[in-house]
Structures are given as C-alpha cells and as structure tokens.
Protein backbone atom coordinates (compact mmCIF):
# COMPACT_ATOMS: atom_id res chain seq x y z
CA MET A 1 -101.62 127.68 -46.64
CA SER A 2 -102.63 124.36 -48.16
CA PRO A 3 -104.57 121.90 -45.98
CA PHE A 4 -101.54 119.58 -46.11
CA ARG A 5 -99.19 122.26 -44.79
CA ALA A 6 -101.72 123.31 -42.15
CA ALA A 7 -102.03 119.71 -40.98
CA ALA A 8 -98.27 119.19 -40.95
CA ALA A 9 -97.73 122.39 -38.97
CA CYS A 10 -100.46 121.43 -36.55
CA LEU A 11 -99.10 117.95 -36.00
CA ALA A 12 -95.64 119.36 -35.36
CA ALA A 13 -97.12 121.70 -32.75
CA VAL A 14 -99.16 118.86 -31.27
CA ALA A 15 -96.09 116.65 -31.03
CA LEU A 16 -94.10 119.31 -29.26
CA ALA A 17 -96.97 120.15 -26.95
CA GLY A 18 -96.99 116.58 -25.72
CA SER A 19 -93.56 117.08 -24.16
CA LEU A 20 -94.39 119.96 -21.81
CA ALA A 21 -95.20 117.99 -18.63
CA ALA A 22 -92.41 117.42 -16.10
CA CYS A 23 -93.55 116.12 -12.67
CA SER A 24 -93.38 112.65 -11.18
CA SER A 25 -95.87 110.61 -9.20
CA ASN A 26 -95.66 107.98 -6.51
CA ASP A 27 -98.44 106.01 -8.15
CA THR A 28 -96.81 104.92 -11.41
CA GLN A 29 -99.51 102.41 -12.29
CA GLN A 30 -102.29 104.98 -11.99
CA ALA A 31 -100.23 107.52 -13.95
CA ASN A 32 -99.62 104.96 -16.69
CA GLU A 33 -103.33 104.07 -16.90
CA SER A 34 -104.32 107.74 -17.02
CA PHE A 35 -101.78 108.39 -19.78
CA CYS A 36 -103.04 105.41 -21.78
CA GLY A 37 -106.60 106.69 -21.69
CA ALA A 38 -105.63 110.24 -22.55
CA HIS A 39 -103.25 109.14 -25.31
CA GLU A 40 -106.00 107.06 -26.90
CA GLY A 41 -107.99 110.29 -27.35
CA VAL A 42 -104.98 112.01 -28.91
CA ARG A 43 -104.38 109.06 -31.22
CA THR A 44 -107.99 109.17 -32.42
CA GLN A 45 -107.80 112.91 -33.12
CA VAL A 46 -104.44 112.62 -34.90
CA GLU A 47 -105.80 109.84 -37.09
CA ALA A 48 -108.74 112.05 -38.05
CA LEU A 49 -106.36 114.91 -38.85
CA GLN A 50 -104.16 112.60 -40.92
CA ALA A 51 -107.20 111.39 -42.85
CA LEU A 52 -108.14 114.98 -43.66
CA ALA A 53 -104.60 115.83 -44.73
CA THR A 54 -104.37 112.86 -47.07
CA SER A 55 -107.91 112.87 -48.44
CA GLY A 56 -107.27 115.62 -50.94
CA GLY A 57 -110.76 116.99 -50.44
CA ALA A 58 -110.34 118.75 -47.09
CA THR A 59 -110.57 122.51 -46.83
CA VAL A 60 -108.30 124.65 -44.70
CA THR A 61 -111.28 125.18 -42.37
CA ASP A 62 -111.76 121.41 -42.04
CA VAL A 63 -108.10 120.96 -41.15
CA ARG A 64 -108.12 123.87 -38.70
CA ASN A 65 -111.23 122.56 -36.93
CA GLN A 66 -109.75 119.10 -36.60
CA ALA A 67 -106.43 120.59 -35.51
CA ALA A 68 -108.24 122.45 -32.71
CA ALA A 69 -109.85 119.18 -31.55
CA THR A 70 -106.44 117.52 -31.67
CA VAL A 71 -104.85 120.25 -29.58
CA LYS A 72 -107.60 119.86 -26.95
CA SER A 73 -106.83 116.14 -26.73
CA VAL A 74 -103.11 116.83 -26.40
CA GLN A 75 -103.77 119.32 -23.61
CA ALA A 76 -105.78 116.69 -21.76
CA ALA A 77 -102.98 114.15 -22.27
CA GLU A 78 -100.38 116.62 -20.98
CA VAL A 79 -102.12 116.63 -17.62
CA GLN A 80 -101.78 112.84 -17.47
CA ALA A 81 -98.23 112.69 -18.86
CA LYS A 82 -96.85 114.90 -16.10
CA ASP A 83 -97.10 111.97 -13.68
CA LEU A 84 -95.18 109.49 -15.83
CA THR A 85 -91.67 108.46 -14.90
CA GLU A 86 -88.83 110.62 -16.13
CA ALA A 87 -87.66 107.84 -18.46
CA VAL A 88 -91.06 107.65 -20.16
CA ARG A 89 -91.29 111.44 -20.48
CA THR A 90 -87.80 111.39 -22.02
CA ASP A 91 -88.94 108.82 -24.59
CA ILE A 92 -92.01 110.93 -25.42
CA ASN A 93 -89.84 114.04 -25.78
CA ALA A 94 -87.41 112.19 -28.10
CA ALA A 95 -90.29 111.00 -30.31
CA ASP A 96 -91.76 114.50 -30.40
CA GLN A 97 -88.40 116.09 -31.26
CA ALA A 98 -87.68 113.62 -34.06
CA PHE A 99 -91.15 114.23 -35.49
CA ALA A 100 -90.78 118.01 -35.34
CA GLU A 101 -87.38 117.82 -37.04
CA ALA A 102 -88.74 115.56 -39.79
CA ILE A 103 -91.64 117.93 -40.47
CA ALA A 104 -89.35 120.97 -40.41
CA ALA A 105 -87.06 119.28 -42.95
CA ILE A 106 -89.81 119.12 -45.57
CA PRO A 107 -89.03 121.97 -47.98
CA GLN A 108 -91.80 124.54 -48.35
CA ASP A 109 -91.44 124.29 -52.12
CA ALA A 110 -91.47 120.47 -52.23
CA PRO A 111 -93.82 119.02 -54.84
CA PRO A 112 -97.07 117.96 -53.11
CA GLN A 113 -96.50 114.22 -53.63
CA GLU A 114 -92.95 114.41 -52.27
CA ALA A 115 -94.10 116.48 -49.29
CA LEU A 116 -96.94 114.04 -48.62
CA GLN A 117 -94.56 111.07 -48.64
CA ALA A 118 -92.19 112.83 -46.24
CA TYR A 119 -95.08 113.82 -43.99
CA GLN A 120 -96.43 110.26 -43.96
CA ALA A 121 -92.97 108.84 -43.15
CA ALA A 122 -92.56 111.31 -40.27
CA THR A 123 -96.01 110.51 -38.94
CA GLN A 124 -95.41 106.77 -39.18
CA ALA A 125 -92.07 107.01 -37.34
CA TRP A 126 -93.68 109.18 -34.64
CA GLY A 127 -96.53 106.70 -34.28
CA GLU A 128 -94.10 103.80 -33.95
CA SER A 129 -92.15 105.65 -31.27
CA LEU A 130 -95.33 106.42 -29.35
CA ALA A 131 -96.46 102.81 -29.74
CA ALA A 132 -93.23 101.80 -27.99
CA VAL A 133 -94.01 104.28 -25.19
CA ARG A 134 -97.55 102.90 -24.91
CA ALA A 135 -96.11 99.39 -24.61
CA GLU A 136 -93.57 100.61 -22.05
CA VAL A 137 -96.30 101.97 -19.77
CA GLY A 138 -98.60 98.99 -20.37
CA CYS A 139 -101.33 100.46 -22.55
CA THR A 140 -103.50 97.60 -23.76
CA SER A 141 -105.19 99.03 -26.89
CA ALA A 142 -103.48 98.99 -30.28
CA SER A 143 -101.50 102.02 -31.37
C-alpha cells in the first residue's frame, strides 16, 4: 500500500473513531474545555500525518508510525467527547461520516495526482466541519 493510501485509510479510521462516544454531562463548560484541549492534540497529529502523506518522501513505516500517534490522540479525545451535548456529538458524527464517504469514493486505481486532490478536498472539508464544532463549543485556538 502506498503511503498516500495508508494515510487516507488511517484518516478515515481516525475520523470514524472520533464518533464513538455517546454520554452526556451536567457540566457542559468543562466538557467543552476538555474536548478543546483533546481535539488540539488530534489536530496536531492529523496535520503531521497530512504532511507525511503529501510530502512524497514518506515511507509506509513513517505513515504507519504517525498514524499510530494519531489514533492515540483520537482515543484520548473520545474520552472527552463523550461528555459533549448530543447536538455537538451529532455534528462531529456528521463531519466524520462525510469524510469517510469522501475517502471511500476515491477509486483505488485513481492516478496519484487525482487521488491526492480528492484526499486534500476531503480533508479540508472535514477540517472546516470540525472548525465549526470547535467554534460551537467555544474552543479558542485556531483550527
């Protein structure tokens, strides 16, 4: 599997993993702050994975190692996301689902440049959706 395909598959799994939490909390403000901090870690790891996927010089091992770090960040964020309101979790799930569908729609035999453009468009749309969620819960750092 090419590093690009490995990264795309990992990001699709990461996106879907972010939608597993399903509890609510009485302390919405604290839940929102916890999510913001945890999501910042995920965002940093995803950016590093994207950089590897688009650099052209990454090995499959490089991508897999960064993917593992990304998954760890997502797992930490899942713990925080479980306490968000149902509406926020619904928005996260919708962003994750749209991302997974966009990645799945990239043909396996697509020319690398075409696949890369589709991957970048899916990642950008997912990032914009999550930026809206971050704004909704009051995260203060840029997304």
